[in-house]
């Protein structure tokens, strides 16, 4: 079988040659594109699919309501708030109550069984001292218990005050201070999480907007190509153009149909990414109601580099967390230094005891009283007793140095990020203006060439080349506008002003009830 450019030679059943026309490449490609378009329906366009009109602000609000990552962060906050509550109860009385039953044996053969109830209350004071009250009421329930001591009543009052290790208001309030600083750090971590989520919503919203606009550009380009084909057919009909010159236009139409399919595929991928972060049904048709020029209006009062750095140092949650981390490390070092001291304390106790054969009489009064006052010293001996505390102190000192280094590094990074963000906003604004000018010139150039083709002074090939240049200029302008909008959102994130920009109150999200 021998193939030529325009025909295919085959033989009939009788052996005679037979000529059959071969479809042109452009016609075959166009048929393939149509088949692919019919078989590849875009998700979210099925009949009956839910439709949603969405602005960027509504998308942010919906995400903050539904996003599972944020829901989990708010659930963690419940545990963190309870931990703070536990730490702040450090100086409240702690009471315990419980019954007891004991069996004793004393040689040569005395057995006794006693039972009762015991109650204890302890109270830690900011100086490190601890008050204790213990009251026990019990009696013999079996065995050899003397009748005069069948029921007993005992009250014990104690007080212990450290003089070295564990002494002082600053040392004893340090755990509460650490807990409160940790709570502030946790709130800032939630704020940083919200800023990250909002920034992600903005990025995906802009990506979907960009994909939608690319589809529009492809549709318009295809429409112009089909209009050109109609013009070419008219020129062929009037004898001003050869029939073979239309092949270039047909191939151009098939190529633009393929580009349209790719653009719609990218649009649907961007839509699914947006529905994912919004946490809504993936089949939802989303219609963006914001415009490219109005979705993120630039703030004319945005500060320069110096002002941006000051704003970032004042608002960024990660910098505030680093500052609080240094304070926490300083407090932990103070605690570790206190633990290296010897344990010297003064203790006092009073005992009130009464035993009687009658339970009511035993509970009514106390007959015997005892007093105790002591000064206790516990000093560690040998490296085994000292090394552990020294290790804790060295670790706390190193952690403080690392926290200060991290703070300095973050401050330097903020300076760089703020400078880059401000520069990108200015640069992207100029790029938008330049891209708009280029697109306008390419439009005029293409219109001039179209008129020349109508007069027979140009060719389809040159016009297709100018059409490609126009589409590229339109996409470049679109990319520049999206980059400019992204740089504005990035500047807000770098400065820590994202929540202020979108009127988001961290208190409402922190105290709100997660779903």
Foldseek 3Di string as FASTA:
>chain_A
DDDDDFWDWDADPVRHIDTDGDDDPLVVLLVVLVVCPVVDDFFLPDPPFAAAEDALLRLLVLLLQDFVVLLVLLVVLVVLVVVLVVLVCQQPKDKDKDKDKDWDADPPGFIWIKIWMKMKIWGADLQQKIKMKIKIWMATDDTDDDLFFRIKIKIKIKMKGWDFFRGDNLLSCLSSVLSVLVSLLSLLVSLLVSLVLSLQLLLLVLQLVLLVVLLVLLVVLLVVLVVVLVLVVVCVVVVLDPPVQSSLSSNLNSVSSVVNVVSSVSNLVSQQSNCVSSVDDSSYHYDYPDDLCGSFPDDPPDDALVVLLVLQCVARSVLVSLVSQLVSLVSQLVNLVSVLDKGKMKMKMKMFMGGGSDSVVNVPGGDDMDIDIDIDTDDDDDCVRRVVSVVSNVVSVVSNVVSVVVSVVVSVVLSVQLNVLNVQLVVLVVQLVVLVVQLVVLVVVLVVQSVCVSVVNHGPVVSSVSSVSNSVSVSSNSVSSSSNSSSSSSSCNSSNNNCVVSVHDSVCSNPPDRD
